[in-house]
């Protein structure tokens, strides 16, 4: 299949300068995902397409492949060995792209938009989970056309993450359902109301599969453990806020938390927001490790590569202000940041 046509970027990595990915999507970027096997980055966009880029050792990038949905792409993931990409979209379908053959095919169907797709690697093999605005979660064995199981959710699925055996779904009306996939994937182990007071934007599982982080539209993140015996470790904190004017502490501007990603080696995590900033955090030391400021627009999505040495982020309209906020001047850029140890390594606990 034809690639994007432009040569690889000639940019080279510098100590403090992030590198821009060549040929980004022309419309809002919804999701980013690195292959678990090599430095290939998949990008989902509201222009109905998924693009795959190769990232070189110096950060140079080249478009390698592209495939389409019949509506905006809302989510994507890779399978375990990095040979396939699965994406979900507003066309009510999930599609699978085979890296080797360059072919895509539909592998899942819902009655409304497929908001999230996640690959689950179980002891019995790989399974696809799809969460939809039709208020269902479906599990699929890709060798068969029908879902293995359909789970009724409390509301529309807004976000979902998995770290086997933990799967967590955040829905409309602030419901959060957590599943123990090893014991009973067909029914939630616990359904709770988010500890945050406003709409859930993202949920992300801890690498140890013993809890999850929740981000909301109000510029807050909650750290939540699944075992009640660890509830003393639950807490929430403000982020992605700024004072509306100097010395006006009571009038802060509040921005949505759009994505939360855990570092694959150190277990620290990133948050990004509508304010155009990115933060790296250590939840155990309850401290902020690093802040990146002054992007020219909201940060819509982020992803670490498999070693945690590259951090990708999308500068793009995030729909936090609805359709009226989508003006012609919004940038669409994907940036690559080479992480440094002091940004992502854990700190000694203060407590």
C-alpha atoms as a PDB file:
ATOM      1  CA  UNK A   1       0.000   0.000   0.000  1.00  0.00           C
ATOM      2  CA  UNK A   2       1.225   3.499  -0.670  1.00  0.00           C
ATOM      3  CA  UNK A   3       2.777   5.332   2.237  1.00  0.00           C
ATOM      4  CA  UNK A   4       2.234   9.006   2.992  1.00  0.00           C
ATOM      5  CA  UNK A   5       4.636  10.074   0.293  1.00  0.00           C
ATOM      6  CA  UNK A   6       7.006  12.362   2.123  1.00  0.00           C
ATOM      7  CA  UNK A   7      10.514  11.426   3.059  1.00  0.00           C
ATOM      8  CA  UNK A   8      11.493  10.752   6.635  1.00  0.00           C
ATOM      9  CA  UNK A   9      11.885  13.818   8.779  1.00  0.00           C
ATOM     10  CA  UNK A  10      15.424  15.151   8.755  1.00  0.00           C
ATOM     11  CA  UNK A  11      15.071  16.510  12.281  1.00  0.00           C
ATOM     12  CA  UNK A  12      17.525  15.168  14.805  1.00  0.00           C
ATOM     13  CA  UNK A  13      16.950  14.902  18.517  1.00  0.00           C
ATOM     14  CA  UNK A  14      18.459  17.588  20.693  1.00  0.00           C
ATOM     15  CA  UNK A  15      18.777  17.649  24.455  1.00  0.00           C
ATOM     16  CA  UNK A  16      15.700  19.776  25.124  1.00  0.00           C
ATOM     17  CA  UNK A  17      13.824  20.024  21.827  1.00  0.00           C
ATOM     18  CA  UNK A  18      10.909  17.720  21.157  1.00  0.00           C
ATOM     19  CA  UNK A  19      10.589  16.399  17.617  1.00  0.00           C
ATOM     20  CA  UNK A  20       7.527  16.885  15.433  1.00  0.00           C
ATOM     21  CA  UNK A  21       6.142  13.854  13.592  1.00  0.00           C
ATOM     22  CA  UNK A  22       5.898  14.393   9.834  1.00  0.00           C
ATOM     23  CA  UNK A  23       2.533  14.365   8.006  1.00  0.00           C
ATOM     24  CA  UNK A  24       0.171  14.511  11.004  1.00  0.00           C
ATOM     25  CA  UNK A  25      -3.587  14.062  10.518  1.00  0.00           C
ATOM     26  CA  UNK A  26      -5.416  17.154   9.211  1.00  0.00           C
ATOM     27  CA  UNK A  27      -8.200  16.788  11.814  1.00  0.00           C
ATOM     28  CA  UNK A  28      -8.380  16.303  15.607  1.00  0.00           C
ATOM     29  CA  UNK A  29      -6.259  13.482  17.017  1.00  0.00           C
ATOM     30  CA  UNK A  30      -8.126  11.117  19.329  1.00  0.00           C
ATOM     31  CA  UNK A  31      -5.595   8.457  20.295  1.00  0.00           C
ATOM     32  CA  UNK A  32      -1.954   7.403  20.198  1.00  0.00           C
ATOM     33  CA  UNK A  33      -0.446   3.955  20.703  1.00  0.00           C
ATOM     34  CA  UNK A  34       3.073   2.521  20.378  1.00  0.00           C
ATOM     35  CA  UNK A  35       3.689  -1.030  19.217  1.00  0.00           C
ATOM     36  CA  UNK A  36       4.796  -3.361  22.034  1.00  0.00           C
ATOM     37  CA  UNK A  37       7.411  -4.869  19.688  1.00  0.00           C
ATOM     38  CA  UNK A  38       9.106  -1.911  17.923  1.00  0.00           C
ATOM     39  CA  UNK A  39       9.013   1.865  17.665  1.00  0.00           C
ATOM     40  CA  UNK A  40       5.955   2.178  15.478  1.00  0.00           C
ATOM     41  CA  UNK A  41       3.335   4.753  16.494  1.00  0.00           C
ATOM     42  CA  UNK A  42      -0.347   4.393  15.542  1.00  0.00           C
ATOM     43  CA  UNK A  43      -2.469   7.561  15.473  1.00  0.00           C
ATOM     44  CA  UNK A  44      -6.282   7.740  15.358  1.00  0.00           C
ATOM     45  CA  UNK A  45      -8.018  10.850  14.049  1.00  0.00           C
ATOM     46  CA  UNK A  46     -11.386  12.469  13.465  1.00  0.00           C
ATOM     47  CA  UNK A  47     -10.585  12.388   9.735  1.00  0.00           C
ATOM     48  CA  UNK A  48     -11.706   8.691   9.871  1.00  0.00           C
ATOM     49  CA  UNK A  49      -8.171   7.320   9.474  1.00  0.00           C
ATOM     50  CA  UNK A  50      -5.529   5.443  11.458  1.00  0.00           C
ATOM     51  CA  UNK A  51      -1.940   6.263  10.489  1.00  0.00           C
ATOM     52  CA  UNK A  52       1.160   4.243  11.376  1.00  0.00           C
ATOM     53  CA  UNK A  53       4.543   5.945  11.664  1.00  0.00           C
ATOM     54  CA  UNK A  54       8.008   4.467  12.034  1.00  0.00           C
ATOM     55  CA  UNK A  55      10.174   6.257  14.625  1.00  0.00           C
ATOM     56  CA  UNK A  56      13.919   6.114  14.052  1.00  0.00           C
ATOM     57  CA  UNK A  57      16.684   6.008  16.643  1.00  0.00           C
ATOM     58  CA  UNK A  58      17.215   9.781  16.436  1.00  0.00           C
ATOM     59  CA  UNK A  59      13.487  10.540  16.568  1.00  0.00           C
ATOM     60  CA  UNK A  60      13.066  10.913  12.801  1.00  0.00           C
ATOM     61  CA  UNK A  61       9.678   9.705  11.575  1.00  0.00           C
ATOM     62  CA  UNK A  62       8.129   8.359   8.410  1.00  0.00           C
ATOM     63  CA  UNK A  63       4.550   7.484   7.567  1.00  0.00           C
ATOM     64  CA  UNK A  64       4.313   3.767   6.775  1.00  0.00           C
ATOM     65  CA  UNK A  65       0.638   2.884   6.361  1.00  0.00           C
ATOM     66  CA  UNK A  66      -2.916   4.147   6.724  1.00  0.00           C
ATOM     67  CA  UNK A  67      -6.395   2.607   6.842  1.00  0.00           C
ATOM     68  CA  UNK A  68      -9.903   3.996   7.219  1.00  0.00           C
ATOM     69  CA  UNK A  69     -13.142   3.822   9.164  1.00  0.00           C
ATOM     70  CA  UNK A  70     -16.462   5.230   7.945  1.00  0.00           C
ATOM     71  CA  UNK A  71     -16.517   7.733  10.804  1.00  0.00           C
ATOM     72  CA  UNK A  72     -14.106   9.417  13.244  1.00  0.00           C
ATOM     73  CA  UNK A  73     -11.614   7.066  14.930  1.00  0.00           C
ATOM     74  CA  UNK A  74     -12.004   7.296  18.722  1.00  0.00           C
ATOM     75  CA  UNK A  75      -9.575   4.681  20.071  1.00  0.00           C
ATOM     76  CA  UNK A  76      -6.882   2.196  19.077  1.00  0.00           C
ATOM     77  CA  UNK A  77      -4.641  -0.488  20.519  1.00  0.00           C
ATOM     78  CA  UNK A  78      -2.035  -3.047  19.398  1.00  0.00           C
ATOM     79  CA  UNK A  79      -2.078  -6.783  19.966  1.00  0.00           C
ATOM     80  CA  UNK A  80       0.631  -8.371  22.120  1.00  0.00           C
ATOM     81  CA  UNK A  81       3.200  -9.098  19.408  1.00  0.00           C
ATOM     82  CA  UNK A  82       2.705  -5.855  17.487  1.00  0.00           C
ATOM     83  CA  UNK A  83       1.473  -7.509  14.288  1.00  0.00           C
ATOM     84  CA  UNK A  84      -2.043  -6.044  14.406  1.00  0.00           C
ATOM     85  CA  UNK A  85      -3.754  -2.755  15.272  1.00  0.00           C
ATOM     86  CA  UNK A  86      -7.400  -2.616  16.365  1.00  0.00           C
ATOM     87  CA  UNK A  87      -9.352   0.634  16.265  1.00  0.00           C
ATOM     88  CA  UNK A  88     -12.859   1.715  17.252  1.00  0.00           C
ATOM     89  CA  UNK A  89     -14.880   4.504  15.745  1.00  0.00           C
ATOM     90  CA  UNK A  90     -18.044   6.547  15.431  1.00  0.00           C
ATOM     91  CA  UNK A  91     -19.091   4.161  12.630  1.00  0.00           C
ATOM     92  CA  UNK A  92     -20.112   1.721  15.432  1.00  0.00           C
ATOM     93  CA  UNK A  93     -17.366  -0.701  14.377  1.00  0.00           C
ATOM     94  CA  UNK A  94     -13.958  -1.958  15.419  1.00  0.00           C
ATOM     95  CA  UNK A  95     -11.488  -2.700  12.647  1.00  0.00           C
ATOM     96  CA  UNK A  96      -8.297  -4.780  12.622  1.00  0.00           C
ATOM     97  CA  UNK A  97      -5.289  -3.841  10.500  1.00  0.00           C
ATOM     98  CA  UNK A  98      -2.735  -6.571   9.749  1.00  0.00           C
ATOM     99  CA  UNK A  99       0.753  -5.039   9.600  1.00  0.00           C
ATOM    100  CA  UNK A 100       2.165  -7.803   7.387  1.00  0.00           C
ATOM    101  CA  UNK A 101      -0.591  -7.939   4.763  1.00  0.00           C
ATOM    102  CA  UNK A 102      -1.562  -4.251   4.902  1.00  0.00           C
ATOM    103  CA  UNK A 103      -5.240  -5.267   4.948  1.00  0.00           C
ATOM    104  CA  UNK A 104      -7.976  -4.114   7.320  1.00  0.00           C
ATOM    105  CA  UNK A 105     -11.229  -5.853   8.213  1.00  0.00           C
ATOM    106  CA  UNK A 106     -14.142  -5.274  10.572  1.00  0.00           C
ATOM    107  CA  UNK A 107     -13.960  -7.407  13.721  1.00  0.00           C
ATOM    108  CA  UNK A 108     -16.630  -5.945  16.046  1.00  0.00           C
ATOM    109  CA  UNK A 109     -20.000  -4.175  15.892  1.00  0.00           C
ATOM    110  CA  UNK A 110     -22.046  -2.092  18.325  1.00  0.00           C
ATOM    111  CA  UNK A 111     -25.324  -0.163  18.171  1.00  0.00           C
ATOM    112  CA  UNK A 112     -23.502   3.127  18.758  1.00  0.00           C
ATOM    113  CA  UNK A 113     -19.979   4.500  18.582  1.00  0.00           C
ATOM    114  CA  UNK A 114     -17.137   2.260  19.781  1.00  0.00           C
ATOM    115  CA  UNK A 115     -15.474   4.620  22.255  1.00  0.00           C
ATOM    116  CA  UNK A 116     -12.641   2.354  23.455  1.00  0.00           C
ATOM    117  CA  UNK A 117     -10.856  -0.772  22.252  1.00  0.00           C
ATOM    118  CA  UNK A 118      -8.410  -2.705  24.433  1.00  0.00           C
ATOM    119  CA  UNK A 119      -6.406  -5.864  23.786  1.00  0.00           C
ATOM    120  CA  UNK A 120      -6.463  -8.348  26.680  1.00  0.00           C
ATOM    121  CA  UNK A 121      -3.711 -10.939  26.862  1.00  0.00           C
ATOM    122  CA  UNK A 122      -5.062 -13.823  28.970  1.00  0.00           C
ATOM    123  CA  UNK A 123      -3.393 -17.149  29.835  1.00  0.00           C
ATOM    124  CA  UNK A 124      -5.725 -18.680  27.221  1.00  0.00           C
ATOM    125  CA  UNK A 125      -4.776 -16.190  24.497  1.00  0.00           C
ATOM    126  CA  UNK A 126      -5.662 -12.757  23.206  1.00  0.00           C
ATOM    127  CA  UNK A 127      -9.161 -11.238  23.409  1.00  0.00           C
ATOM    128  CA  UNK A 128     -10.500  -7.875  22.242  1.00  0.00           C
ATOM    129  CA  UNK A 129     -12.648  -5.746  24.559  1.00  0.00           C
ATOM    130  CA  UNK A 130     -14.828  -2.982  23.084  1.00  0.00           C
ATOM    131  CA  UNK A 131     -16.691  -0.347  25.116  1.00  0.00           C
ATOM    132  CA  UNK A 132     -19.452   1.630  23.447  1.00  0.00           C
ATOM    133  CA  UNK A 133     -21.869   4.516  23.828  1.00  0.00           C
ATOM    134  CA  UNK A 134     -24.585   1.835  23.495  1.00  0.00           C
ATOM    135  CA  UNK A 135     -23.872   1.087  27.208  1.00  0.00           C
ATOM    136  CA  UNK A 136     -22.286  -2.311  26.568  1.00  0.00           C
ATOM    137  CA  UNK A 137     -18.876  -3.882  26.965  1.00  0.00           C
ATOM    138  CA  UNK A 138     -18.207  -6.765  24.557  1.00  0.00           C
ATOM    139  CA  UNK A 139     -15.460  -9.377  24.491  1.00  0.00           C
ATOM    140  CA  UNK A 140     -14.418 -10.827  21.138  1.00  0.00           C
ATOM    141  CA  UNK A 141     -12.430 -13.862  20.052  1.00  0.00           C
ATOM    142  CA  UNK A 142     -11.248 -12.625  16.665  1.00  0.00           C
ATOM    143  CA  UNK A 143     -11.557 -16.110  15.176  1.00  0.00           C
ATOM    144  CA  UNK A 144     -15.346 -15.933  15.489  1.00  0.00           C
ATOM    145  CA  UNK A 145     -17.775 -13.246  14.233  1.00  0.00           C
ATOM    146  CA  UNK A 146     -19.949 -12.877  17.346  1.00  0.00           C
ATOM    147  CA  UNK A 147     -18.957 -11.576  20.794  1.00  0.00           C
ATOM    148  CA  UNK A 148     -18.061 -14.109  23.471  1.00  0.00           C
ATOM    149  CA  UNK A 149     -19.862 -12.049  26.117  1.00  0.00           C
ATOM    150  CA  UNK A 150     -21.928  -8.866  26.246  1.00  0.00           C
ATOM    151  CA  UNK A 151     -21.887  -6.933  29.536  1.00  0.00           C
ATOM    152  CA  UNK A 152     -24.457  -4.226  30.284  1.00  0.00           C
ATOM    153  CA  UNK A 153     -22.777  -1.099  31.642  1.00  0.00           C
ATOM    154  CA  UNK A 154     -24.462   1.448  33.953  1.00  0.00           C
ATOM    155  CA  UNK A 155     -24.137   4.124  31.250  1.00  0.00           C
ATOM    156  CA  UNK A 156     -22.275   5.052  28.041  1.00  0.00           C
ATOM    157  CA  UNK A 157     -18.610   4.009  28.042  1.00  0.00           C
ATOM    158  CA  UNK A 158     -16.295   7.040  28.119  1.00  0.00           C
ATOM    159  CA  UNK A 159     -12.996   5.378  28.984  1.00  0.00           C
ATOM    160  CA  UNK A 160     -11.590   1.912  29.629  1.00  0.00           C
ATOM    161  CA  UNK A 161      -8.232   0.395  30.521  1.00  0.00           C
ATOM    162  CA  UNK A 162      -6.901  -3.073  31.225  1.00  0.00           C
ATOM    163  CA  UNK A 163      -3.931  -4.492  33.103  1.00  0.00           C
ATOM    164  CA  UNK A 164      -4.702  -8.194  33.327  1.00  0.00           C
ATOM    165  CA  UNK A 165      -6.566  -9.342  35.359  1.00  0.00           C
ATOM    166  CA  UNK A 166      -7.942  -5.848  36.114  1.00  0.00           C
ATOM    167  CA  UNK A 167     -10.269  -4.094  33.664  1.00  0.00           C
ATOM    168  CA  UNK A 168     -11.817  -0.728  34.552  1.00  0.00           C
ATOM    169  CA  UNK A 169     -14.580   1.140  32.697  1.00  0.00           C
ATOM    170  CA  UNK A 170     -15.519   4.767  33.310  1.00  0.00           C
ATOM    171  CA  UNK A 171     -18.978   5.725  32.057  1.00  0.00           C
ATOM    172  CA  UNK A 172     -21.316   8.698  31.869  1.00  0.00           C
ATOM    173  CA  UNK A 173     -22.874   9.822  35.159  1.00  0.00           C
ATOM    174  CA  UNK A 174     -19.534   9.097  36.910  1.00  0.00           C
ATOM    175  CA  UNK A 175     -19.981   5.318  37.246  1.00  0.00           C
ATOM    176  CA  UNK A 176     -16.799   3.260  37.449  1.00  0.00           C
ATOM    177  CA  UNK A 177     -16.994  -0.513  37.013  1.00  0.00           C
ATOM    178  CA  UNK A 178     -14.000  -2.732  37.771  1.00  0.00           C
ATOM    179  CA  UNK A 179     -13.717  -6.351  36.616  1.00  0.00           C
ATOM    180  CA  UNK A 180     -11.545  -9.268  37.706  1.00  0.00           C
ATOM    181  CA  UNK A 181     -11.023 -10.933  34.325  1.00  0.00           C
ATOM    182  CA  UNK A 182      -9.518 -14.069  35.863  1.00  0.00           C
ATOM    183  CA  UNK A 183     -12.560 -14.716  38.052  1.00  0.00           C
ATOM    184  CA  UNK A 184     -15.568 -13.286  36.208  1.00  0.00           C
ATOM    185  CA  UNK A 185     -15.172 -11.106  33.117  1.00  0.00           C
ATOM    186  CA  UNK A 186     -18.959 -11.096  32.566  1.00  0.00           C
ATOM    187  CA  UNK A 187     -19.879  -9.115  35.699  1.00  0.00           C
ATOM    188  CA  UNK A 188     -18.150  -6.245  37.486  1.00  0.00           C
ATOM    189  CA  UNK A 189     -16.482  -7.030  40.766  1.00  0.00           C
ATOM    190  CA  UNK A 190     -17.348  -3.525  41.953  1.00  0.00           C
ATOM    191  CA  UNK A 191     -19.401  -0.599  40.650  1.00  0.00           C
ATOM    192  CA  UNK A 192     -18.803   2.739  42.323  1.00  0.00           C
ATOM    193  CA  UNK A 193     -19.374   6.435  41.780  1.00  0.00           C
ATOM    194  CA  UNK A 194     -16.187   8.286  40.885  1.00  0.00           C
ATOM    195  CA  UNK A 195     -14.507   9.999  43.848  1.00  0.00           C
ATOM    196  CA  UNK A 196     -14.339  13.087  41.593  1.00  0.00           C
ATOM    197  CA  UNK A 197     -17.392  15.330  41.430  1.00  0.00           C
ATOM    198  CA  UNK A 198     -17.498  15.929  37.679  1.00  0.00           C
ATOM    199  CA  UNK A 199     -17.578  13.936  34.455  1.00  0.00           C
ATOM    200  CA  UNK A 200     -14.990  11.187  34.026  1.00  0.00           C
ATOM    201  CA  UNK A 201     -12.641  11.797  31.121  1.00  0.00           C
ATOM    202  CA  UNK A 202     -10.138   8.945  31.495  1.00  0.00           C
ATOM    203  CA  UNK A 203      -9.357   5.866  33.593  1.00  0.00           C
ATOM    204  CA  UNK A 204      -5.943   4.187  33.593  1.00  0.00           C
ATOM    205  CA  UNK A 205      -4.892   0.999  35.428  1.00  0.00           C
ATOM    206  CA  UNK A 206      -1.798   0.794  37.622  1.00  0.00           C
ATOM    207  CA  UNK A 207       0.917  -1.462  36.111  1.00  0.00           C
ATOM    208  CA  UNK A 208       0.586  -3.727  39.182  1.00  0.00           C
ATOM    209  CA  UNK A 209      -3.151  -4.194  38.381  1.00  0.00           C
ATOM    210  CA  UNK A 210      -4.080  -3.270  41.965  1.00  0.00           C
ATOM    211  CA  UNK A 211      -5.815   0.026  41.260  1.00  0.00           C
ATOM    212  CA  UNK A 212      -6.419   2.821  38.785  1.00  0.00           C
ATOM    213  CA  UNK A 213      -6.260   6.564  38.231  1.00  0.00           C
ATOM    214  CA  UNK A 214      -9.286   8.642  37.203  1.00  0.00           C
ATOM    215  CA  UNK A 215      -9.138  12.016  35.458  1.00  0.00           C
ATOM    216  CA  UNK A 216     -12.094  14.378  35.136  1.00  0.00           C
ATOM    217  CA  UNK A 217     -13.185  17.532  33.316  1.00  0.00           C
ATOM    218  CA  UNK A 218     -12.602  19.567  36.497  1.00  0.00           C
ATOM    219  CA  UNK A 219      -8.797  19.352  36.499  1.00  0.00           C
ATOM    220  CA  UNK A 220      -8.536  16.645  39.141  1.00  0.00           C
ATOM    221  CA  UNK A 221      -7.082  13.138  39.318  1.00  0.00           C
ATOM    222  CA  UNK A 222      -8.034  10.425  41.824  1.00  0.00           C
ATOM    223  CA  UNK A 223      -5.792   7.501  42.782  1.00  0.00           C
ATOM    224  CA  UNK A 224      -7.952   4.516  43.687  1.00  0.00           C
ATOM    225  CA  UNK A 225      -6.948   1.045  44.927  1.00  0.00           C
ATOM    226  CA  UNK A 226      -9.261  -1.881  44.207  1.00  0.00           C
ATOM    227  CA  UNK A 227      -8.662  -3.680  47.513  1.00  0.00           C
ATOM    228  CA  UNK A 228     -10.552  -2.047  50.376  1.00  0.00           C
ATOM    229  CA  UNK A 229      -7.658  -2.864  52.706  1.00  0.00           C
ATOM    230  CA  UNK A 230      -5.595  -0.281  50.788  1.00  0.00           C
ATOM    231  CA  UNK A 231      -8.266   2.425  50.872  1.00  0.00           C
ATOM    232  CA  UNK A 232      -6.092   4.556  53.148  1.00  0.00           C
ATOM    233  CA  UNK A 233      -3.839   5.045  50.119  1.00  0.00           C
ATOM    234  CA  UNK A 234      -6.662   6.527  48.002  1.00  0.00           C
ATOM    235  CA  UNK A 235      -6.363  10.251  47.356  1.00  0.00           C
ATOM    236  CA  UNK A 236      -7.161  12.920  44.783  1.00  0.00           C
ATOM    237  CA  UNK A 237      -5.356  16.057  43.729  1.00  0.00           C
ATOM    238  CA  UNK A 238      -5.814  19.145  41.570  1.00  0.00           C
ATOM    239  CA  UNK A 239      -3.928  19.580  38.318  1.00  0.00           C
ATOM    240  CA  UNK A 240      -4.318  21.330  34.959  1.00  0.00           C
ATOM    241  CA  UNK A 241      -5.536  24.497  36.594  1.00  0.00           C
ATOM    242  CA  UNK A 242      -4.177  28.007  36.632  1.00  0.00           C
ATOM    243  CA  UNK A 243      -5.043  31.281  38.319  1.00  0.00           C
ATOM    244  CA  UNK A 244      -7.220  33.493  36.146  1.00  0.00           C
ATOM    245  CA  UNK A 245      -5.043  36.466  37.100  1.00  0.00           C
ATOM    246  CA  UNK A 246      -2.002  37.011  39.327  1.00  0.00           C
ATOM    247  CA  UNK A 247      -2.892  36.917  43.031  1.00  0.00           C
ATOM    248  CA  UNK A 248      -6.446  35.670  42.364  1.00  0.00           C
ATOM    249  CA  UNK A 249      -6.168  32.303  44.052  1.00  0.00           C
ATOM    250  CA  UNK A 250      -9.923  31.888  44.397  1.00  0.00           C
ATOM    251  CA  UNK A 251     -10.616  32.276  40.683  1.00  0.00           C
ATOM    252  CA  UNK A 252      -8.718  29.459  39.038  1.00  0.00           C
ATOM    253  CA  UNK A 253      -9.291  28.399  35.434  1.00  0.00           C
ATOM    254  CA  UNK A 254     -10.119  24.693  35.332  1.00  0.00           C
ATOM    255  CA  UNK A 255      -9.189  22.389  32.434  1.00  0.00           C
ATOM    256  CA  UNK A 256     -10.069  18.812  31.517  1.00  0.00           C
ATOM    257  CA  UNK A 257      -7.615  15.979  32.163  1.00  0.00           C
ATOM    258  CA  UNK A 258      -7.570  14.279  28.762  1.00  0.00           C
ATOM    259  CA  UNK A 259      -5.223  11.331  29.223  1.00  0.00           C
ATOM    260  CA  UNK A 260      -3.295   9.439  31.897  1.00  0.00           C
ATOM    261  CA  UNK A 261      -0.459   7.069  30.982  1.00  0.00           C
ATOM    262  CA  UNK A 262       1.749   4.914  33.195  1.00  0.00           C
ATOM    263  CA  UNK A 263       5.460   4.533  32.492  1.00  0.00           C
ATOM    264  CA  UNK A 264       6.131   0.885  31.510  1.00  0.00           C
ATOM    265  CA  UNK A 265       9.322   0.599  33.593  1.00  0.00           C
ATOM    266  CA  UNK A 266       9.073   2.950  36.565  1.00  0.00           C
ATOM    267  CA  UNK A 267       5.309   2.981  37.187  1.00  0.00           C
ATOM    268  CA  UNK A 268       5.169   6.767  37.390  1.00  0.00           C
ATOM    269  CA  UNK A 269       2.492   8.416  35.270  1.00  0.00           C
ATOM    270  CA  UNK A 270       1.706  11.326  32.993  1.00  0.00           C
ATOM    271  CA  UNK A 271      -1.333  13.568  32.768  1.00  0.00           C
ATOM    272  CA  UNK A 272      -2.197  15.931  29.932  1.00  0.00           C
ATOM    273  CA  UNK A 273      -4.900  18.532  29.714  1.00  0.00           C
ATOM    274  CA  UNK A 274      -6.891  21.138  27.819  1.00  0.00           C
ATOM    275  CA  UNK A 275      -4.534  23.762  29.244  1.00  0.00           C
ATOM    276  CA  UNK A 276      -1.727  22.603  26.942  1.00  0.00           C
ATOM    277  CA  UNK A 277       0.424  21.208  29.751  1.00  0.00           C
ATOM    278  CA  UNK A 278       1.825  17.772  30.568  1.00  0.00           C
ATOM    279  CA  UNK A 279       2.811  16.601  34.039  1.00  0.00           C
ATOM    280  CA  UNK A 280       4.776  13.546  35.191  1.00  0.00           C
ATOM    281  CA  UNK A 281       3.841  12.258  38.665  1.00  0.00           C
ATOM    282  CA  UNK A 282       4.943   9.737  41.284  1.00  0.00           C
ATOM    283  CA  UNK A 283       1.778   8.552  43.030  1.00  0.00           C
ATOM    284  CA  UNK A 284       3.631   6.718  45.817  1.00  0.00           C
ATOM    285  CA  UNK A 285       5.686   9.759  46.814  1.00  0.00           C
ATOM    286  CA  UNK A 286       2.665  11.971  46.011  1.00  0.00           C
ATOM    287  CA  UNK A 287       4.841  14.379  44.097  1.00  0.00           C
ATOM    288  CA  UNK A 288       5.058  16.032  40.697  1.00  0.00           C
ATOM    289  CA  UNK A 289       8.235  15.084  38.845  1.00  0.00           C
ATOM    290  CA  UNK A 290       8.064  17.400  35.834  1.00  0.00           C
ATOM    291  CA  UNK A 291       5.818  19.945  34.092  1.00  0.00           C
ATOM    292  CA  UNK A 292       5.897  20.790  30.388  1.00  0.00           C
ATOM    293  CA  UNK A 293       4.219  24.078  29.620  1.00  0.00           C
ATOM    294  CA  UNK A 294       3.002  26.370  26.885  1.00  0.00           C
ATOM    295  CA  UNK A 295       1.868  24.104  24.089  1.00  0.00           C
ATOM    296  CA  UNK A 296      -0.136  26.060  21.475  1.00  0.00           C
ATOM    297  CA  UNK A 297      -3.318  24.114  22.144  1.00  0.00           C
ATOM    298  CA  UNK A 298      -4.892  21.328  24.205  1.00  0.00           C
ATOM    299  CA  UNK A 299      -3.013  18.042  24.614  1.00  0.00           C
ATOM    300  CA  UNK A 300      -5.544  15.447  23.457  1.00  0.00           C
ATOM    301  CA  UNK A 301      -3.668  12.137  23.849  1.00  0.00           C
ATOM    302  CA  UNK A 302      -0.330  10.707  24.978  1.00  0.00           C
ATOM    303  CA  UNK A 303       1.626   7.427  24.855  1.00  0.00           C
ATOM    304  CA  UNK A 304       4.905   5.980  26.135  1.00  0.00           C
ATOM    305  CA  UNK A 305       6.788   3.573  23.898  1.00  0.00           C
ATOM    306  CA  UNK A 306       7.500   0.045  25.164  1.00  0.00           C
ATOM    307  CA  UNK A 307      10.708   1.015  27.011  1.00  0.00           C
ATOM    308  CA  UNK A 308       9.447   4.374  28.249  1.00  0.00           C
ATOM    309  CA  UNK A 309      12.289   6.204  26.453  1.00  0.00           C
ATOM    310  CA  UNK A 310       9.914   8.060  24.104  1.00  0.00           C
ATOM    311  CA  UNK A 311       6.820   9.981  25.159  1.00  0.00           C
ATOM    312  CA  UNK A 312       4.460  10.986  22.342  1.00  0.00           C
ATOM    313  CA  UNK A 313       1.824  13.685  22.758  1.00  0.00           C
ATOM    314  CA  UNK A 314      -0.810  15.105  20.424  1.00  0.00           C
ATOM    315  CA  UNK A 315      -1.431  18.860  20.320  1.00  0.00           C
ATOM    316  CA  UNK A 316      -4.972  18.953  18.987  1.00  0.00           C
ATOM    317  CA  UNK A 317      -8.471  20.159  19.723  1.00  0.00           C
ATOM    318  CA  UNK A 318      -9.956  17.917  22.430  1.00  0.00           C
ATOM    319  CA  UNK A 319     -13.666  18.839  22.058  1.00  0.00           C
ATOM    320  CA  UNK A 320     -13.750  20.070  25.672  1.00  0.00           C
ATOM    321  CA  UNK A 321     -15.665  23.143  24.495  1.00  0.00           C
ATOM    322  CA  UNK A 322     -17.946  21.222  22.141  1.00  0.00           C
ATOM    323  CA  UNK A 323     -18.525  21.916  18.460  1.00  0.00           C
ATOM    324  CA  UNK A 324     -18.431  25.694  18.928  1.00  0.00           C
ATOM    325  CA  UNK A 325     -14.847  25.479  20.189  1.00  0.00           C
ATOM    326  CA  UNK A 326     -13.617  23.842  16.986  1.00  0.00           C
ATOM    327  CA  UNK A 327     -12.235  26.872  15.178  1.00  0.00           C
ATOM    328  CA  UNK A 328     -10.027  26.830  12.112  1.00  0.00           C
ATOM    329  CA  UNK A 329      -6.879  27.879  13.927  1.00  0.00           C
ATOM    330  CA  UNK A 330      -6.422  24.721  16.013  1.00  0.00           C
ATOM    331  CA  UNK A 331      -3.084  22.966  15.383  1.00  0.00           C
ATOM    332  CA  UNK A 332      -2.766  19.211  14.844  1.00  0.00           C
ATOM    333  CA  UNK A 333       0.715  18.094  15.819  1.00  0.00           C
ATOM    334  CA  UNK A 334       2.290  14.942  17.234  1.00  0.00           C
ATOM    335  CA  UNK A 335       5.448  15.537  19.233  1.00  0.00           C
ATOM    336  CA  UNK A 336       8.063  13.064  20.481  1.00  0.00           C
ATOM    337  CA  UNK A 337       9.849  13.732  23.765  1.00  0.00           C
ATOM    338  CA  UNK A 338      12.946  11.762  24.809  1.00  0.00           C
ATOM    339  CA  UNK A 339      12.377  11.055  28.500  1.00  0.00           C
ATOM    340  CA  UNK A 340      15.116  11.579  31.050  1.00  0.00           C
ATOM    341  CA  UNK A 341      15.539   9.578  34.247  1.00  0.00           C
ATOM    342  CA  UNK A 342      14.857  12.525  36.547  1.00  0.00           C
ATOM    343  CA  UNK A 343      11.494  13.062  34.810  1.00  0.00           C
ATOM    344  CA  UNK A 344      10.159   9.520  35.142  1.00  0.00           C
ATOM    345  CA  UNK A 345      12.000   7.748  37.978  1.00  0.00           C
ATOM    346  CA  UNK A 346      10.303   7.389  41.343  1.00  0.00           C
ATOM    347  CA  UNK A 347      11.320   9.577  44.272  1.00  0.00           C
ATOM    348  CA  UNK A 348      11.865   8.396  47.827  1.00  0.00           C
ATOM    349  CA  UNK A 349       8.510   8.478  49.616  1.00  0.00           C
ATOM    350  CA  UNK A 350       7.958  11.478  51.878  1.00  0.00           C
ATOM    351  CA  UNK A 351       5.470   9.690  54.079  1.00  0.00           C
END
